[in-house]
Amino acid sequence: MEVKEKHKDSIAEAFANPERITHALVQGVHDALLKHKQTGNPVVVWRDGKIVWLKPEEIPVHS
């Protein structure tokens, strides 16, 4: 399987920029939550020491 390079930065350069990593993680979570909401799938969250299922309409997705 051929891997296509999305970014020209080396791994060391990418890890040297914590803001970039944080942004990528936040964007990934946002995209996953949005996809779940759009497809009508619930998600699991941790609240007050317990596992809680969120219905699609309860999923907080900010634009």
Protein backbone atom coordinates (compact mmCIF):
# COMPACT_ATOMS: atom_id res chain seq x y z
CA MET A 1 0.00 0.00 0.00
CA GLU A 2 1.39 3.35 -1.02
CA VAL A 3 1.28 6.11 1.61
CA LYS A 4 0.69 9.60 0.25
CA GLU A 5 2.41 12.42 2.06
CA LYS A 6 -0.06 15.11 3.19
CA HIS A 7 2.51 17.41 4.73
CA LYS A 8 6.10 18.04 3.83
CA ASP A 9 7.14 18.49 7.47
CA SER A 10 9.22 15.77 9.03
CA ILE A 11 7.89 14.01 12.10
CA ALA A 12 10.38 15.84 14.30
CA GLU A 13 9.26 19.21 12.94
CA ALA A 14 5.60 18.34 13.46
CA PHE A 15 6.17 17.30 17.07
CA ALA A 16 8.18 20.47 17.67
CA ASN A 17 5.01 22.52 17.17
CA PRO A 18 2.57 21.73 20.02
CA GLU A 19 0.01 24.26 18.80
CA ARG A 20 -0.20 22.47 15.46
CA ILE A 21 -0.65 19.10 17.17
CA THR A 22 -3.35 20.49 19.47
CA HIS A 23 -5.17 22.04 16.51
CA ALA A 24 -5.07 18.75 14.59
CA LEU A 25 -6.44 16.82 17.58
CA VAL A 26 -9.22 19.34 18.21
CA GLN A 27 -10.16 19.30 14.52
CA GLY A 28 -10.19 15.50 14.46
CA VAL A 29 -12.50 15.28 17.47
CA HIS A 30 -14.78 17.94 15.99
CA ASP A 31 -14.97 16.09 12.68
CA ALA A 32 -15.74 12.78 14.40
CA LEU A 33 -18.49 14.32 16.55
CA LEU A 34 -20.01 16.05 13.54
CA LYS A 35 -19.99 12.83 11.52
CA HIS A 36 -21.71 10.95 14.36
CA LYS A 37 -24.32 13.70 14.69
CA GLN A 38 -24.97 13.81 10.93
CA THR A 39 -25.31 10.04 10.60
CA GLY A 40 -27.52 9.71 13.66
CA ASN A 41 -25.05 7.72 15.75
CA PRO A 42 -24.64 8.23 19.50
CA VAL A 43 -21.29 8.81 21.20
CA VAL A 44 -19.99 7.85 24.62
CA VAL A 45 -18.57 10.45 27.01
CA TRP A 46 -17.23 10.36 30.56
CA ARG A 47 -19.23 12.49 33.03
CA ASP A 48 -18.87 12.58 36.80
CA GLY A 49 -17.00 9.28 36.83
CA LYS A 50 -19.59 7.48 34.70
CA ILE A 51 -20.01 6.44 31.09
CA VAL A 52 -22.86 8.38 29.43
CA TRP A 53 -24.31 7.81 25.96
CA LEU A 54 -25.20 11.01 24.09
CA LYS A 55 -27.98 10.87 21.52
CA PRO A 56 -27.07 12.48 18.19
CA GLU A 57 -29.15 15.57 19.00
CA GLU A 58 -27.23 15.97 22.28
CA ILE A 59 -23.78 15.94 20.68
CA PRO A 60 -22.18 19.37 21.10
CA VAL A 61 -20.68 20.43 17.78
CA HIS A 62 -19.56 24.03 17.37
CA SER A 63 -19.01 25.61 13.97
